Amino acid sequence: MQVRKNSDDSKAVETAVIVWFRNDLRIADNPALRHAEGSGRPVICLYILDETPGLRPMGGASLWWLDKSLKSLAESLEKLGNRLVLRKGVAAEVLDDVIAHTGATCVLWNRLYDKASIDRDTAIKARLKTAGVDGQSFNAGLLNEPWTVKNGAGQPYKVFTPYWRAARENLSHVVVEPAPRHLKSPEHFPRGESLVSWRLPPTKPDWSTGFDHWTPGESGALARLDGFLSGPVDGYGEKRDVPGVEATSGLSPHLHFGEIGPRQVWLAAHNAAEHGDAPAGEVDKFLSELGWREFNHAILFHWPDLPTKSFKPEFDRFPWARNDAFLEAWTKGQTGYPIVDAGMRELWATGFMHNRVRMIVASFLIKHLLVDWREGEAWFWDTLVDADLANNVGNWQWVAGSGADASPYFRIFNPIAQGEKFDPKGAYVRRWVPELRNVPDDVIHRPWTRALHPPTGAERLYAPPIVDHAQARAKAMEAYRSL
């Protein structure tokens, strides 16, 4: 790495600071950006669409979100008197080039916690040091960094409840840093690329037409948090399991891209409870979901092979059944089980799926169809706007029974019973499986049993179940017991 030198040593040069944005696409409570502002030096705001080998490329839905989020960030930086520089390539090489052409002597970024990102960042920090460039990293993405929460023996927690109990002890004085008021610009910005040239949104075909209800970006994240705390949080503990009701926060994609930070969520929720604007018990339940996110990131940090290997090694011997027809039926929402099909169709149409339904569809793929959880995780990675490596992998392994604090292997969701319990009137199913719109409530989750109400019209187009629940459950139990 080479740094440009000033040819006239008699002139003092105010060197620039590079803020390397990653999953922290906001200006408020952004430690790297705040540190750059505090330096009083010119700031180069850089986003790299990273092509470093070993990093998992973003899925299609994530790229759609990224396009909108970068536009929002660019607008925010322009209001601060600066701009966002976009570059595509291997991060280390891009940083080399920007430093060489600007004379920047400091690079700041906020940390990520998966192995590939850690390896990349560690190598870059060493590379910067060799070149005489200061490299500093900060925590913007977690309430507690993974290495700070350990049990009495100094080991990472493997069970959520004691982990969250210990993690909360560090959160009595959470501070949210304000957004910068101004960012000094360099005399000359480095070369950048246009966002349009990256062609992030889908075009042929454009499968994102149902994504319009999302508002990616920092302002959209703050508005969603405010909207949740002013209404849906009341009754959250019970209603969050009902897919036909808008009762969840919808913050997961905003948190993943760092358009809002967990400290902001924590503080806003606590303030709402303290001022009587939200029920304290419901807020506590909501924040435990934030804790589950923290737990998954800690597990991924301490067990970096989690995306490919089972947390519990014995599960790597599981006798998966490779069945492309089953996998395709699942991805298309054509399994013959209404609650499963509704979830998979919601996912394709909106880039999102209700949390309770995610557990149901994952259990169905793994335990009814005996398809490897990694196949489902890969599909979610490509189709979810909130595809987060730690959460995606952690939750899939949880359902499979192979993960940390996992659901027991013998817990096999009955998709009929789950539908009848959490969508008793079929509101969710009717929205996403229009073939069943006119089916009576009492058989909406098992339409193949309609002896007294034979199907007509569009109902005939709905596929019968691809497997029998009782037989599939028995087969799954046999497979699990073989371990």
Protein backbone atom coordinates (compact mmCIF):
# COMPACT_ATOMS: atom_id res chain seq x y z
CA MET A 1 0.00 0.00 0.00
CA GLN A 2 1.40 3.35 -0.99
CA VAL A 3 0.45 6.72 0.44
CA ARG A 4 0.88 9.86 -1.63
CA LYS A 5 3.45 12.27 -0.19
CA ASN A 6 3.25 16.04 -0.41
CA SER A 7 5.99 17.33 -2.70
CA ASP A 8 6.34 20.58 -0.71
CA ASP A 9 7.14 19.71 2.90
CA SER A 10 6.95 23.39 3.86
CA LYS A 11 3.20 23.33 3.42
CA ALA A 12 1.07 21.66 6.07
CA VAL A 13 -1.39 19.24 4.52
CA GLU A 14 -4.65 18.44 6.29
CA THR A 15 -4.91 14.74 5.52
CA ALA A 16 -8.28 13.11 5.05
CA VAL A 17 -9.99 10.44 7.09
CA ILE A 18 -11.78 7.60 5.28
CA VAL A 19 -14.98 6.24 6.83
CA TRP A 20 -15.57 2.83 5.31
CA PHE A 21 -19.29 2.08 5.51
CA ARG A 22 -20.46 -1.54 5.62
CA ASN A 23 -23.55 -2.76 7.56
CA ASP A 24 -23.85 0.62 9.30
CA LEU A 25 -25.70 2.73 6.74
CA ARG A 26 -26.70 5.56 9.05
CA ILE A 27 -25.31 8.81 10.40
CA ALA A 28 -26.72 8.73 13.96
CA ASP A 29 -25.04 6.55 16.60
CA ASN A 30 -22.30 5.67 14.12
CA PRO A 31 -19.03 5.58 16.11
CA ALA A 32 -16.74 5.55 13.07
CA LEU A 33 -18.46 8.56 11.54
CA ARG A 34 -18.59 10.36 14.88
CA HIS A 35 -14.86 9.78 15.38
CA ALA A 36 -14.14 11.16 11.93
CA GLU A 37 -16.16 14.28 12.66
CA GLY A 38 -14.33 14.75 15.97
CA SER A 39 -10.96 14.70 14.22
CA GLY A 40 -11.82 17.97 12.50
CA ARG A 41 -10.25 16.64 9.31
CA PRO A 42 -11.78 16.22 5.85
CA VAL A 43 -13.88 13.05 5.64
CA ILE A 44 -14.18 10.67 2.71
CA CYS A 45 -17.33 8.54 3.09
CA LEU A 46 -16.75 5.32 1.17
CA TYR A 47 -18.96 2.31 0.49
CA ILE A 48 -17.37 -0.71 -1.18
CA LEU A 49 -19.44 -3.37 -2.90
CA ASP A 50 -16.94 -5.91 -1.72
CA GLU A 51 -15.72 -8.73 -3.95
CA THR A 52 -13.14 -10.10 -1.51
CA PRO A 53 -12.85 -13.88 -1.99
CA GLY A 54 -14.47 -15.83 0.83
CA LEU A 55 -17.22 -13.34 1.56
CA ARG A 56 -20.72 -14.62 0.91
CA PRO A 57 -22.30 -12.47 -1.85
CA MET A 58 -25.60 -10.80 -1.00
CA GLY A 59 -28.81 -12.40 -2.16
CA GLY A 60 -31.15 -10.78 -4.65
CA ALA A 61 -33.55 -9.32 -2.10
CA SER A 62 -30.67 -7.86 -0.08
CA LEU A 63 -29.27 -6.18 -3.19
CA TRP A 64 -32.68 -4.60 -3.80
CA TRP A 65 -32.62 -3.20 -0.26
CA LEU A 66 -28.99 -2.07 -0.52
CA ASP A 67 -29.78 0.03 -3.59
CA LYS A 68 -32.43 2.02 -1.70
CA SER A 69 -30.40 2.23 1.51
CA LEU A 70 -27.35 3.68 -0.24
CA LYS A 71 -29.53 6.31 -1.89
CA SER A 72 -30.85 7.30 1.52
CA LEU A 73 -27.37 7.44 3.05
CA ALA A 74 -26.08 9.55 0.17
CA GLU A 75 -28.88 12.07 0.71
CA SER A 76 -28.10 12.27 4.44
CA LEU A 77 -24.40 12.87 3.79
CA GLU A 78 -25.16 15.59 1.27
CA LYS A 79 -27.15 17.43 3.95
CA LEU A 80 -23.98 17.34 6.07
CA GLY A 81 -21.97 18.95 3.28
CA ASN A 82 -20.33 15.72 2.14
CA ARG A 83 -20.99 12.91 -0.31
CA LEU A 84 -20.94 9.12 -0.54
CA VAL A 85 -18.25 7.60 -2.76
CA LEU A 86 -19.18 4.22 -4.25
CA ARG A 87 -16.63 1.66 -5.43
CA LYS A 88 -16.83 -1.99 -6.40
CA GLY A 89 -13.97 -4.46 -6.00
CA VAL A 90 -11.77 -6.23 -3.47
CA ALA A 91 -11.87 -4.02 -0.37
CA ALA A 92 -8.12 -4.00 0.29
CA GLU A 93 -7.38 -2.99 -3.30
CA VAL A 94 -10.03 -0.28 -3.33
CA LEU A 95 -8.69 1.17 -0.10
CA ASP A 96 -5.16 1.10 -1.55
CA ASP A 97 -6.34 3.11 -4.53
CA VAL A 98 -8.36 5.66 -2.55
CA ILE A 99 -5.47 6.24 -0.12
CA ALA A 100 -2.98 6.59 -2.94
CA HIS A 101 -5.10 9.22 -4.70
CA THR A 102 -6.13 11.21 -1.64
CA GLY A 103 -3.24 10.95 0.79
CA ALA A 104 -5.61 9.80 3.53
CA THR A 105 -3.77 8.71 6.66
CA CYS A 106 -6.63 7.14 8.62
CA VAL A 107 -9.34 4.56 7.83
CA LEU A 108 -12.26 4.06 10.23
CA TRP A 109 -14.94 1.38 10.16
CA ASN A 110 -17.45 -0.42 12.37
CA ARG A 111 -16.89 -4.07 13.14
CA LEU A 112 -18.55 -7.19 11.73
CA TYR A 113 -18.35 -10.55 13.46
CA ASP A 114 -18.42 -13.39 10.90
CA LYS A 115 -15.14 -15.15 10.16
CA ALA A 116 -14.74 -13.96 6.58
CA SER A 117 -15.25 -10.32 7.57
CA ILE A 118 -12.91 -10.65 10.56
CA ASP A 119 -10.19 -12.23 8.41
CA ARG A 120 -10.55 -9.48 5.81
CA ASP A 121 -10.52 -6.67 8.37
CA THR A 122 -7.57 -8.11 10.30
CA ALA A 123 -5.52 -8.35 7.10
CA ILE A 124 -6.48 -4.81 6.07
CA LYS A 125 -5.60 -3.36 9.47
CA ALA A 126 -2.15 -4.99 9.28
CA ARG A 127 -1.72 -3.74 5.73
CA LEU A 128 -2.60 -0.19 6.77
CA LYS A 129 -0.15 -0.30 9.67
CA THR A 130 2.68 -1.39 7.39
CA ALA A 131 1.92 1.60 5.14
CA GLY A 132 1.87 4.02 8.05
CA VAL A 133 -1.90 4.49 7.85
CA ASP A 134 -3.98 4.42 11.00
CA GLY A 135 -6.79 1.84 10.98
CA GLN A 136 -9.41 1.86 13.72
CA SER A 137 -12.63 -0.09 14.22
CA PHE A 138 -15.64 0.43 16.48
CA ASN A 139 -18.82 -1.29 17.66
CA ALA A 140 -21.96 0.00 15.98
CA GLY A 141 -23.90 -3.22 15.45
CA LEU A 142 -24.32 -4.95 18.83
CA LEU A 143 -25.25 -4.07 22.39
CA ASN A 144 -22.46 -6.32 23.64
CA GLU A 145 -19.56 -7.51 21.58
CA PRO A 146 -19.29 -11.32 21.51
CA TRP A 147 -16.16 -11.64 23.62
CA THR A 148 -17.54 -9.50 26.45
CA VAL A 149 -20.26 -11.89 27.67
CA LYS A 150 -18.84 -15.06 29.25
CA ASN A 151 -20.00 -17.51 31.91
CA GLY A 152 -18.33 -18.05 35.28
CA ALA A 153 -15.75 -20.34 33.69
CA GLY A 154 -14.81 -17.71 31.13
CA GLN A 155 -16.51 -19.59 28.29
CA PRO A 156 -19.15 -18.34 25.84
CA TYR A 157 -22.74 -19.15 26.67
CA LYS A 158 -24.47 -21.90 24.68
CA VAL A 159 -27.95 -21.30 26.11
CA PHE A 160 -29.91 -18.12 25.51
CA THR A 161 -31.56 -17.45 28.88
CA PRO A 162 -28.37 -17.27 30.99
CA TYR A 163 -26.64 -15.44 28.13
CA TRP A 164 -29.30 -12.73 28.02
CA ARG A 165 -29.38 -12.45 31.81
CA ALA A 166 -25.63 -11.79 31.82
CA ALA A 167 -25.73 -9.55 28.75
CA ARG A 168 -28.36 -7.27 30.27
CA GLU A 169 -26.08 -6.52 33.22
CA ASN A 170 -23.89 -4.49 30.86
CA LEU A 171 -26.75 -2.35 29.57
CA SER A 172 -27.60 -0.08 32.48
CA HIS A 173 -25.95 2.94 30.85
CA VAL A 174 -26.60 2.64 27.14
CA VAL A 175 -25.65 5.84 25.30
CA VAL A 176 -26.71 6.85 21.80
CA GLU A 177 -24.41 9.27 20.04
CA PRO A 178 -26.08 12.03 18.00
CA ALA A 179 -25.62 12.41 14.29
CA PRO A 180 -22.85 14.74 13.09
CA ARG A 181 -23.97 18.27 12.25
CA HIS A 182 -21.35 18.76 9.54
CA LEU A 183 -18.67 16.69 7.83
CA LYS A 184 -15.76 18.58 6.34
CA SER A 185 -15.22 17.63 2.70
CA PRO A 186 -11.82 17.07 1.07
CA GLU A 187 -10.68 19.46 -1.63
CA HIS A 188 -10.90 16.64 -4.15
CA PHE A 189 -13.04 13.54 -3.81
CA PRO A 190 -11.67 10.22 -5.10
CA ARG A 191 -13.12 8.57 -8.17
CA GLY A 192 -16.49 6.96 -7.57
CA GLU A 193 -19.00 4.86 -9.46
CA SER A 194 -22.68 5.44 -10.04
CA LEU A 195 -25.19 3.37 -8.11
CA VAL A 196 -27.18 2.82 -11.29
CA SER A 197 -24.17 1.16 -12.93
CA TRP A 198 -24.21 -1.54 -10.25
CA ARG A 199 -27.67 -2.70 -11.40
CA LEU A 200 -28.69 -3.93 -7.97
CA PRO A 201 -32.52 -4.06 -8.38
CA PRO A 202 -33.97 -6.88 -10.50
CA THR A 203 -35.17 -6.00 -14.00
CA LYS A 204 -35.75 -9.08 -16.17
CA PRO A 205 -38.03 -9.99 -14.56
CA ASP A 206 -38.65 -7.45 -11.82
CA TRP A 207 -39.82 -9.68 -8.98
CA SER A 208 -39.64 -6.83 -6.46
CA THR A 209 -42.94 -5.12 -7.29
CA GLY A 210 -44.40 -6.29 -3.97
CA PHE A 211 -41.57 -4.75 -1.95
CA ASP A 212 -42.98 -1.22 -2.13
CA HIS A 213 -44.31 -1.24 1.43
CA TRP A 214 -40.71 -1.11 2.68
CA THR A 215 -38.89 2.18 3.21
CA PRO A 216 -35.17 1.34 3.31
CA GLY A 217 -32.90 3.91 4.90
CA GLU A 218 -32.32 5.59 8.23
CA SER A 219 -35.47 7.71 8.23
CA GLY A 220 -37.57 4.67 7.34
CA ALA A 221 -36.00 2.72 10.21
CA LEU A 222 -36.69 5.45 12.76
CA ALA A 223 -40.26 5.85 11.53
CA ARG A 224 -40.87 2.10 11.82
CA LEU A 225 -39.50 2.03 15.38
CA ASP A 226 -41.65 5.00 16.40
CA GLY A 227 -44.72 3.44 14.80
CA PHE A 228 -44.17 0.15 16.59
CA LEU A 229 -43.61 1.67 20.03
CA SER A 230 -46.67 3.90 19.69
CA GLY A 231 -49.09 1.05 18.98
CA PRO A 232 -48.31 -2.57 18.04
CA VAL A 233 -46.00 -3.13 21.01
CA ASP A 234 -49.14 -3.21 23.18
CA GLY A 235 -50.00 -6.91 23.20
CA TYR A 236 -46.75 -7.84 21.46
CA GLY A 237 -46.09 -10.93 23.56
CA GLU A 238 -49.26 -12.64 22.33
CA LYS A 239 -49.98 -11.02 18.98
CA ARG A 240 -46.44 -11.49 17.62
CA ASP A 241 -47.32 -15.13 16.91
CA VAL A 242 -50.39 -14.29 14.83
CA PRO A 243 -49.35 -13.91 11.17
CA GLY A 244 -52.61 -12.29 10.08
CA VAL A 245 -52.01 -9.31 12.40
CA GLU A 246 -49.47 -6.50 11.99
CA ALA A 247 -47.94 -6.89 15.45
CA THR A 248 -44.18 -7.22 14.92
CA SER A 249 -41.67 -4.39 14.60
CA GLY A 250 -40.41 -5.13 11.08
CA LEU A 251 -37.03 -3.74 12.14
CA SER A 252 -34.90 -6.74 11.16
CA PRO A 253 -33.79 -5.50 7.71
CA HIS A 254 -33.09 -2.03 9.11
CA LEU A 255 -30.98 -3.57 11.87
CA HIS A 256 -29.12 -5.83 9.46
CA PHE A 257 -28.10 -2.97 7.18
CA GLY A 258 -27.35 -0.77 10.16
CA GLU A 259 -29.88 1.90 9.27
CA ILE A 260 -30.69 1.85 12.95
CA GLY A 261 -28.51 0.50 15.74
CA PRO A 262 -29.48 -1.79 18.62
CA ARG A 263 -28.54 0.91 21.14
CA GLN A 264 -31.10 3.23 19.56
CA VAL A 265 -33.76 0.52 19.72
CA TRP A 266 -32.88 -0.38 23.31
CA LEU A 267 -32.98 3.19 24.55
CA ALA A 268 -36.17 4.15 22.70
CA ALA A 269 -37.99 1.07 23.98
CA HIS A 270 -36.86 1.66 27.57
CA ASN A 271 -37.86 5.31 27.40
CA ALA A 272 -41.31 4.35 26.08
CA ALA A 273 -41.79 1.97 29.02
CA GLU A 274 -40.48 4.42 31.61
CA HIS A 275 -42.76 7.20 30.41
CA GLY A 276 -45.80 4.94 30.33
CA ASP A 277 -46.08 5.07 26.55
CA ALA A 278 -45.68 1.29 26.24
CA PRO A 279 -46.35 -1.63 28.64
CA ALA A 280 -43.13 -2.58 30.42
CA GLY A 281 -43.77 -6.31 30.11
CA GLU A 282 -44.36 -6.09 26.37
CA VAL A 283 -41.24 -3.97 25.92
CA ASP A 284 -39.23 -6.54 27.85
CA LYS A 285 -40.47 -9.31 25.56
CA PHE A 286 -39.63 -7.22 22.50
CA LEU A 287 -36.13 -6.52 23.78
CA SER A 288 -35.56 -10.23 24.40
CA GLU A 289 -35.89 -10.65 20.63
CA LEU A 290 -33.10 -8.10 20.29
CA GLY A 291 -31.24 -10.29 22.76
CA TRP A 292 -31.77 -13.36 20.56
CA ARG A 293 -30.15 -11.43 17.70
CA GLU A 294 -27.18 -10.68 19.98
CA PHE A 295 -26.98 -14.35 21.01
CA ASN A 296 -26.87 -15.52 17.40
CA HIS A 297 -24.06 -13.11 16.59
CA ALA A 298 -22.11 -14.28 19.63
CA ILE A 299 -22.56 -17.93 18.66
CA LEU A 300 -21.39 -17.24 15.09
CA PHE A 301 -18.34 -15.39 16.41
CA HIS A 302 -17.30 -18.23 18.73
CA TRP A 303 -18.28 -21.03 16.32
CA PRO A 304 -17.34 -19.54 12.91
CA ASP A 305 -18.10 -22.71 10.91
CA LEU A 306 -21.79 -22.50 11.81
CA PRO A 307 -22.94 -21.68 8.24
CA THR A 308 -21.69 -25.06 7.00
CA LYS A 309 -21.39 -27.32 10.05
CA SER A 310 -23.78 -28.29 12.81
CA PHE A 311 -23.23 -26.65 16.19
CA LYS A 312 -23.83 -30.13 17.65
CA PRO A 313 -21.39 -32.29 15.63
CA GLU A 314 -23.52 -35.46 15.83
CA PHE A 315 -26.08 -33.80 13.57
CA ASP A 316 -23.58 -33.74 10.70
CA ARG A 317 -24.40 -37.46 10.35
CA PHE A 318 -28.09 -36.82 9.78
CA PRO A 319 -29.45 -38.91 6.86
CA TRP A 320 -30.79 -36.10 4.67
CA ALA A 321 -32.97 -37.12 1.74
CA ARG A 322 -32.04 -35.28 -1.44
CA ASN A 323 -35.35 -34.58 -3.19
CA ASP A 324 -35.36 -31.77 -5.74
CA ALA A 325 -39.10 -32.09 -6.36
CA PHE A 326 -39.87 -31.59 -2.66
CA LEU A 327 -37.50 -28.62 -2.46
CA GLU A 328 -39.06 -26.97 -5.51
CA ALA A 329 -42.59 -27.47 -4.18
CA TRP A 330 -41.52 -25.87 -0.91
CA THR A 331 -39.88 -22.84 -2.55
CA LYS A 332 -42.95 -22.24 -4.73
CA GLY A 333 -45.48 -22.61 -1.94
CA GLN A 334 -47.05 -25.75 -3.43
CA THR A 335 -46.76 -28.26 -0.59
CA GLY A 336 -50.50 -28.67 -0.05
CA TYR A 337 -50.26 -27.35 3.52
CA PRO A 338 -51.89 -23.89 3.53
CA ILE A 339 -49.88 -22.23 6.32
CA VAL A 340 -46.60 -23.42 4.74
CA ASP A 341 -47.60 -22.31 1.27
CA ALA A 342 -48.84 -18.94 2.51
CA GLY A 343 -45.49 -18.27 4.17
CA MET A 344 -43.44 -19.21 1.13
CA ARG A 345 -45.60 -17.07 -1.14
CA GLU A 346 -45.42 -14.13 1.26
CA LEU A 347 -41.64 -14.46 1.19
CA TRP A 348 -41.46 -14.39 -2.59
CA ALA A 349 -43.89 -11.50 -2.92
CA THR A 350 -42.59 -9.23 -0.15
CA GLY A 351 -39.04 -10.30 0.71
CA PHE A 352 -40.25 -11.10 4.22
CA MET A 353 -42.02 -13.76 6.23
CA HIS A 354 -43.74 -13.64 9.59
CA ASN A 355 -41.51 -15.04 12.36
CA ARG A 356 -43.90 -17.78 13.54
CA VAL A 357 -44.39 -18.91 9.95
CA ARG A 358 -40.60 -19.00 9.39
CA MET A 359 -40.39 -21.65 12.11
CA ILE A 360 -43.27 -23.61 10.59
CA VAL A 361 -41.89 -23.64 7.03
CA ALA A 362 -38.38 -24.45 8.25
CA SER A 363 -39.65 -27.33 10.37
CA PHE A 364 -41.66 -28.63 7.41
CA LEU A 365 -38.67 -28.62 5.06
CA ILE A 366 -36.33 -30.23 7.56
CA LYS A 367 -38.58 -32.67 9.41
CA HIS A 368 -41.40 -33.45 7.00
CA LEU A 369 -39.31 -33.52 3.82
CA LEU A 370 -35.92 -34.39 5.40
CA VAL A 371 -34.23 -31.77 3.20
CA ASP A 372 -30.93 -30.43 4.54
CA TRP A 373 -31.44 -27.19 6.48
CA ARG A 374 -28.63 -25.61 4.43
CA GLU A 375 -30.88 -25.76 1.36
CA GLY A 376 -33.55 -23.76 3.16
CA GLU A 377 -31.02 -21.33 4.61
CA ALA A 378 -29.67 -20.65 1.10
CA TRP A 379 -33.19 -19.94 -0.20
CA PHE A 380 -33.88 -17.56 2.66
CA TRP A 381 -30.51 -15.88 2.06
CA ASP A 382 -31.51 -15.05 -1.50
CA THR A 383 -35.12 -14.06 -0.90
CA LEU A 384 -35.20 -12.28 2.49
CA VAL A 385 -34.60 -8.54 2.70
CA ASP A 386 -33.37 -9.14 6.27
CA ALA A 387 -31.00 -11.98 5.34
CA ASP A 388 -28.45 -11.79 8.15
CA LEU A 389 -25.84 -14.54 8.33
CA ALA A 390 -25.85 -14.98 12.11
CA ASN A 391 -29.64 -14.92 12.43
CA ASN A 392 -30.36 -16.94 9.32
CA VAL A 393 -27.95 -19.75 10.17
CA GLY A 394 -28.67 -19.66 13.89
CA ASN A 395 -32.42 -19.91 13.43
CA TRP A 396 -32.25 -22.68 10.83
CA GLN A 397 -30.01 -24.75 13.08
CA TRP A 398 -32.32 -24.00 16.01
CA VAL A 399 -35.27 -25.51 14.13
CA ALA A 400 -33.19 -28.47 12.95
CA GLY A 401 -32.24 -29.25 16.55
CA SER A 402 -28.54 -28.99 15.67
CA GLY A 403 -27.93 -25.43 16.93
CA ALA A 404 -27.25 -23.65 20.19
CA ASP A 405 -30.14 -23.77 22.68
CA ALA A 406 -31.99 -25.56 19.90
CA SER A 407 -35.54 -26.77 19.68
CA PRO A 408 -35.49 -30.47 20.68
CA TYR A 409 -35.32 -32.85 17.72
CA PHE A 410 -38.67 -34.41 18.61
CA ARG A 411 -40.43 -31.03 18.32
CA ILE A 412 -41.97 -31.36 14.89
CA PHE A 413 -44.46 -28.64 14.06
CA ASN A 414 -47.79 -29.96 12.85
CA PRO A 415 -48.59 -27.48 10.06
CA ILE A 416 -52.33 -28.13 10.41
CA ALA A 417 -52.38 -27.53 14.18
CA GLN A 418 -50.08 -24.52 13.86
CA GLY A 419 -52.39 -22.97 11.30
CA GLU A 420 -55.50 -23.62 13.36
CA LYS A 421 -53.88 -22.17 16.47
CA PHE A 422 -52.29 -19.03 15.07
CA ASP A 423 -54.49 -18.34 12.02
CA PRO A 424 -57.85 -19.74 13.17
CA LYS A 425 -59.98 -17.71 10.75
CA GLY A 426 -57.55 -18.24 7.89
CA ALA A 427 -56.93 -14.52 7.33
CA TYR A 428 -53.25 -15.07 6.58
CA VAL A 429 -53.83 -18.11 4.38
CA ARG A 430 -56.57 -16.42 2.38
CA ARG A 431 -54.33 -13.45 1.67
CA TRP A 432 -51.47 -15.48 0.25
CA VAL A 433 -53.26 -18.58 -1.07
CA PRO A 434 -56.17 -17.07 -3.00
CA GLU A 435 -57.27 -20.51 -4.23
CA LEU A 436 -58.57 -21.10 -0.70
CA ARG A 437 -60.31 -17.76 -0.27
CA ASN A 438 -63.78 -19.28 -0.09
CA VAL A 439 -62.95 -22.35 1.98
CA PRO A 440 -64.82 -22.48 5.35
CA ASP A 441 -62.86 -21.64 8.48
CA ASP A 442 -63.13 -25.12 9.94
CA VAL A 443 -61.23 -26.74 7.06
CA ILE A 444 -59.07 -23.85 5.80
CA HIS A 445 -55.89 -25.55 7.09
CA ARG A 446 -56.82 -29.04 5.83
CA PRO A 447 -58.82 -28.39 2.66
CA TRP A 448 -58.33 -31.97 1.41
CA THR A 449 -60.80 -33.15 4.07
CA ARG A 450 -63.75 -31.27 2.57
CA ALA A 451 -66.10 -34.22 2.08
CA LEU A 452 -69.10 -32.05 2.92
CA HIS A 453 -67.83 -29.07 0.90
CA PRO A 454 -66.37 -30.32 -2.37
CA PRO A 455 -63.99 -27.77 -3.95
CA THR A 456 -65.13 -25.67 -6.89
CA GLY A 457 -63.43 -23.29 -9.27
CA ALA A 458 -60.03 -22.03 -8.17
CA GLU A 459 -60.05 -24.33 -5.13
CA ARG A 460 -59.51 -27.29 -7.44
CA LEU A 461 -56.17 -25.80 -8.45
CA TYR A 462 -54.77 -26.09 -4.95
CA ALA A 463 -52.34 -28.99 -4.73
CA PRO A 464 -52.95 -31.92 -2.34
CA PRO A 465 -50.35 -32.50 0.41
CA ILE A 466 -47.03 -33.76 -0.97
CA VAL A 467 -46.52 -35.85 2.19
CA ASP A 468 -48.80 -37.19 4.89
CA HIS A 469 -48.10 -35.47 8.20
CA ALA A 470 -48.27 -38.56 10.41
CA GLN A 471 -46.09 -40.65 8.09
CA ALA A 472 -43.57 -37.83 7.62
CA ARG A 473 -43.34 -37.29 11.36
CA ALA A 474 -42.69 -40.97 11.99
CA LYS A 475 -39.98 -41.03 9.32
CA ALA A 476 -38.32 -37.92 10.80
CA MET A 477 -38.33 -39.42 14.29
CA GLU A 478 -36.67 -42.55 12.95
CA ALA A 479 -34.00 -40.46 11.22
CA TYR A 480 -33.29 -38.41 14.35
CA ARG A 481 -33.12 -41.48 16.56
CA SER A 482 -30.53 -42.98 14.21
CA LEU A 483 -28.08 -40.41 15.52
